[in-house]
Amino acid sequence: MNRWFVAKRVINEWITFYNTDRPHTALEKRTPDEAYFGGKEMMKTA
């Protein structure tokens, strides 16, 4: 694997974790996805 591919994969994994799994105190312990979608069903992208 080249370094670019590894870096891109690690960054994408972090962004997914940050937005979907990690609660934020500024969002009342909700994830950004929960705050943005407000309980609506989230759309999955390919």
PDB file of N, CA and C in Angstrom:
ATOM      1  N   MET A   1       0.851  -1.195   0.000  1.00  0.00           N
ATOM      2  CA  MET A   1       0.000   0.000   0.000  1.00  0.00           C
ATOM      3  C   MET A   1       0.886   1.244   0.000  1.00  0.00           C
ATOM      4  N   ASN A   2       0.463   2.219  -0.753  1.00  0.00           N
ATOM      5  CA  ASN A   2       1.245   3.444  -0.716  1.00  0.00           C
ATOM      6  C   ASN A   2       0.767   4.337   0.428  1.00  0.00           C
ATOM      7  N   ARG A   3       1.553   5.293   0.774  1.00  0.00           N
ATOM      8  CA  ARG A   3       1.251   6.151   1.929  1.00  0.00           C
ATOM      9  C   ARG A   3      -0.035   6.944   1.746  1.00  0.00           C
ATOM     10  N   TRP A   4      -0.304   7.387   0.537  1.00  0.00           N
ATOM     11  CA  TRP A   4      -1.518   8.167   0.276  1.00  0.00           C
ATOM     12  C   TRP A   4      -2.763   7.340   0.575  1.00  0.00           C
ATOM     13  N   PHE A   5      -2.775   6.090   0.124  1.00  0.00           N
ATOM     14  CA  PHE A   5      -3.921   5.219   0.356  1.00  0.00           C
ATOM     15  C   PHE A   5      -4.134   4.993   1.850  1.00  0.00           C
ATOM     16  N   VAL A   6      -3.071   4.728   2.569  1.00  0.00           N
ATOM     17  CA  VAL A   6      -3.169   4.499   4.015  1.00  0.00           C
ATOM     18  C   VAL A   6      -3.662   5.759   4.715  1.00  0.00           C
ATOM     19  N   ALA A   7      -3.107   6.900   4.371  1.00  0.00           N
ATOM     20  CA  ALA A   7      -3.525   8.161   4.999  1.00  0.00           C
ATOM     21  C   ALA A   7      -4.992   8.443   4.724  1.00  0.00           C
ATOM     22  N   LYS A   8      -5.423   8.256   3.502  1.00  0.00           N
ATOM     23  CA  LYS A   8      -6.822   8.508   3.151  1.00  0.00           C
ATOM     24  C   LYS A   8      -7.754   7.582   3.929  1.00  0.00           C
ATOM     25  N   ARG A   9      -7.391   6.310   4.048  1.00  0.00           N
ATOM     26  CA  ARG A   9      -8.218   5.356   4.787  1.00  0.00           C
ATOM     27  C   ARG A   9      -8.319   5.744   6.261  1.00  0.00           C
ATOM     28  N   VAL A  10      -7.207   6.106   6.874  1.00  0.00           N
ATOM     29  CA  VAL A  10      -7.198   6.490   8.287  1.00  0.00           C
ATOM     30  C   VAL A  10      -8.034   7.750   8.502  1.00  0.00           C
ATOM     31  N   ILE A  11      -7.907   8.722   7.634  1.00  0.00           N
ATOM     32  CA  ILE A  11      -8.688   9.961   7.754  1.00  0.00           C
ATOM     33  C   ILE A  11     -10.173   9.673   7.592  1.00  0.00           C
ATOM     34  N   ASN A  12     -10.548   8.861   6.628  1.00  0.00           N
ATOM     35  CA  ASN A  12     -11.962   8.514   6.436  1.00  0.00           C
ATOM     36  C   ASN A  12     -12.529   7.772   7.636  1.00  0.00           C
ATOM     37  N   GLU A  13     -11.743   6.880   8.228  1.00  0.00           N
ATOM     38  CA  GLU A  13     -12.196   6.164   9.426  1.00  0.00           C
ATOM     39  C   GLU A  13     -12.408   7.138  10.585  1.00  0.00           C
ATOM     40  N   TRP A  14     -11.500   8.104  10.739  1.00  0.00           N
ATOM     41  CA  TRP A  14     -11.634   9.084  11.814  1.00  0.00           C
ATOM     42  C   TRP A  14     -12.878   9.957  11.604  1.00  0.00           C
ATOM     43  N   ILE A  15     -13.115  10.407  10.406  1.00  0.00           N
ATOM     44  CA  ILE A  15     -14.286  11.242  10.115  1.00  0.00           C
ATOM     45  C   ILE A  15     -15.568  10.476  10.423  1.00  0.00           C
ATOM     46  N   THR A  16     -15.620   9.218  10.032  1.00  0.00           N
ATOM     47  CA  THR A  16     -16.798   8.398  10.324  1.00  0.00           C
ATOM     48  C   THR A  16     -16.993   8.264  11.825  1.00  0.00           C
ATOM     49  N   PHE A  17     -15.939   7.956  12.556  1.00  0.00           N
ATOM     50  CA  PHE A  17     -16.020   7.845  14.010  1.00  0.00           C
ATOM     51  C   PHE A  17     -16.477   9.165  14.629  1.00  0.00           C
ATOM     52  N   TYR A  18     -15.872  10.264  14.203  1.00  0.00           N
ATOM     53  CA  TYR A  18     -16.172  11.585  14.759  1.00  0.00           C
ATOM     54  C   TYR A  18     -17.640  11.956  14.557  1.00  0.00           C
ATOM     55  N   ASN A  19     -18.193  11.633  13.406  1.00  0.00           N
ATOM     56  CA  ASN A  19     -19.563  12.041  13.088  1.00  0.00           C
ATOM     57  C   ASN A  19     -20.642  11.053  13.518  1.00  0.00           C
ATOM     58  N   THR A  20     -20.302   9.787  13.677  1.00  0.00           N
ATOM     59  CA  THR A  20     -21.342   8.795  13.953  1.00  0.00           C
ATOM     60  C   THR A  20     -21.254   8.134  15.317  1.00  0.00           C
ATOM     61  N   ASP A  21     -20.076   8.078  15.921  1.00  0.00           N
ATOM     62  CA  ASP A  21     -19.906   7.328  17.168  1.00  0.00           C
ATOM     63  C   ASP A  21     -19.524   8.181  18.372  1.00  0.00           C
ATOM     64  N   ARG A  22     -18.904   9.314  18.159  1.00  0.00           N
ATOM     65  CA  ARG A  22     -18.342  10.104  19.251  1.00  0.00           C
ATOM     66  C   ARG A  22     -19.325  11.186  19.691  1.00  0.00           C
ATOM     67  N   PRO A  23     -19.851  11.089  20.941  1.00  0.00           N
ATOM     68  CA  PRO A  23     -20.748  12.139  21.423  1.00  0.00           C
ATOM     69  C   PRO A  23     -19.979  13.439  21.685  1.00  0.00           C
ATOM     70  N   HIS A  24     -20.633  14.560  21.477  1.00  0.00           N
ATOM     71  CA  HIS A  24     -20.022  15.874  21.661  1.00  0.00           C
ATOM     72  C   HIS A  24     -20.771  16.627  22.760  1.00  0.00           C
ATOM     73  N   THR A  25     -20.034  17.194  23.700  1.00  0.00           N
ATOM     74  CA  THR A  25     -20.691  17.932  24.781  1.00  0.00           C
ATOM     75  C   THR A  25     -21.429  19.157  24.252  1.00  0.00           C
ATOM     76  N   ALA A  26     -20.917  19.791  23.219  1.00  0.00           N
ATOM     77  CA  ALA A  26     -21.581  20.969  22.652  1.00  0.00           C
ATOM     78  C   ALA A  26     -22.916  20.611  21.995  1.00  0.00           C
ATOM     79  N   LEU A  27     -23.109  19.340  21.705  1.00  0.00           N
ATOM     80  CA  LEU A  27     -24.351  18.882  21.072  1.00  0.00           C
ATOM     81  C   LEU A  27     -25.198  18.082  22.057  1.00  0.00           C
ATOM     82  N   GLU A  28     -25.029  18.377  23.342  1.00  0.00           N
ATOM     83  CA  GLU A  28     -25.786  17.700  24.405  1.00  0.00           C
ATOM     84  C   GLU A  28     -25.587  16.189  24.366  1.00  0.00           C
ATOM     85  N   LYS A  29     -24.329  15.786  24.241  1.00  0.00           N
ATOM     86  CA  LYS A  29     -23.932  14.370  24.229  1.00  0.00           C
ATOM     87  C   LYS A  29     -24.504  13.582  23.050  1.00  0.00           C
ATOM     88  N   ARG A  30     -24.809  14.286  21.967  1.00  0.00           N
ATOM     89  CA  ARG A  30     -25.247  13.624  20.739  1.00  0.00           C
ATOM     90  C   ARG A  30     -24.095  13.627  19.751  1.00  0.00           C
ATOM     91  N   THR A  31     -24.167  12.743  18.793  1.00  0.00           N
ATOM     92  CA  THR A  31     -23.181  12.767  17.718  1.00  0.00           C
ATOM     93  C   THR A  31     -23.596  13.843  16.710  1.00  0.00           C
ATOM     94  N   PRO A  32     -22.678  14.324  15.875  1.00  0.00           N
ATOM     95  CA  PRO A  32     -23.075  15.283  14.852  1.00  0.00           C
ATOM     96  C   PRO A  32     -24.179  14.746  13.940  1.00  0.00           C
ATOM     97  N   ASP A  33     -24.123  13.471  13.597  1.00  0.00           N
ATOM     98  CA  ASP A  33     -25.189  12.900  12.768  1.00  0.00           C
ATOM     99  C   ASP A  33     -26.533  12.958  13.482  1.00  0.00           C
ATOM    100  N   GLU A  34     -26.572  12.624  14.770  1.00  0.00           N
ATOM    101  CA  GLU A  34     -27.822  12.682  15.527  1.00  0.00           C
ATOM    102  C   GLU A  34     -28.348  14.114  15.592  1.00  0.00           C
ATOM    103  N   ALA A  35     -27.457  15.067  15.809  1.00  0.00           N
ATOM    104  CA  ALA A  35     -27.869  16.467  15.892  1.00  0.00           C
ATOM    105  C   ALA A  35     -28.380  16.968  14.540  1.00  0.00           C
ATOM    106  N   TYR A  36     -27.694  16.624  13.469  1.00  0.00           N
ATOM    107  CA  TYR A  36     -28.069  17.104  12.140  1.00  0.00           C
ATOM    108  C   TYR A  36     -29.361  16.470  11.649  1.00  0.00           C
ATOM    109  N   PHE A  37     -29.440  15.154  11.761  1.00  0.00           N
ATOM    110  CA  PHE A  37     -30.599  14.454  11.226  1.00  0.00           C
ATOM    111  C   PHE A  37     -31.777  14.464  12.189  1.00  0.00           C
ATOM    112  N   GLY A  38     -31.559  14.764  13.451  1.00  0.00           N
ATOM    113  CA  GLY A  38     -32.631  14.919  14.425  1.00  0.00           C
ATOM    114  C   GLY A  38     -33.570  13.733  14.532  1.00  0.00           C
ATOM    115  N   GLY A  39     -33.027  12.536  14.503  1.00  0.00           N
ATOM    116  CA  GLY A  39     -33.855  11.350  14.635  1.00  0.00           C
ATOM    117  C   GLY A  39     -34.421  10.835  13.330  1.00  0.00           C
ATOM    118  N   LYS A  40     -34.229  11.589  12.249  1.00  0.00           N
ATOM    119  CA  LYS A  40     -34.669  11.107  10.935  1.00  0.00           C
ATOM    120  C   LYS A  40     -33.773   9.947  10.516  1.00  0.00           C
ATOM    121  N   GLU A  41     -34.294   9.099   9.679  1.00  0.00           N
ATOM    122  CA  GLU A  41     -33.483   7.998   9.183  1.00  0.00           C
ATOM    123  C   GLU A  41     -32.345   8.565   8.341  1.00  0.00           C
ATOM    124  N   MET A  42     -31.121   8.147   8.654  1.00  0.00           N
ATOM    125  CA  MET A  42     -29.954   8.644   7.947  1.00  0.00           C
ATOM    126  C   MET A  42     -29.786   7.914   6.625  1.00  0.00           C
ATOM    127  N   MET A  43     -29.396   8.675   5.616  1.00  0.00           N
ATOM    128  CA  MET A  43     -29.153   8.089   4.303  1.00  0.00           C
ATOM    129  C   MET A  43     -27.732   7.557   4.267  1.00  0.00           C
ATOM    130  N   LYS A  44     -27.563   6.373   3.730  1.00  0.00           N
ATOM    131  CA  LYS A  44     -26.237   5.782   3.577  1.00  0.00           C
ATOM    132  C   LYS A  44     -25.720   6.130   2.188  1.00  0.00           C
ATOM    133  N   THR A  45     -24.443   6.499   2.136  1.00  0.00           N
ATOM    134  CA  THR A  45     -23.829   6.774   0.841  1.00  0.00           C
ATOM    135  C   THR A  45     -22.896   5.632   0.493  1.00  0.00           C
ATOM    136  N   ALA A  46     -22.732   5.405  -0.779  1.00  0.00           N
ATOM    137  CA  ALA A  46     -21.877   4.292  -1.216  1.00  0.00           C
ATOM    138  C   ALA A  46     -20.429   4.675  -1.145  1.00  0.00           C
TER     139      ALA A  46
END
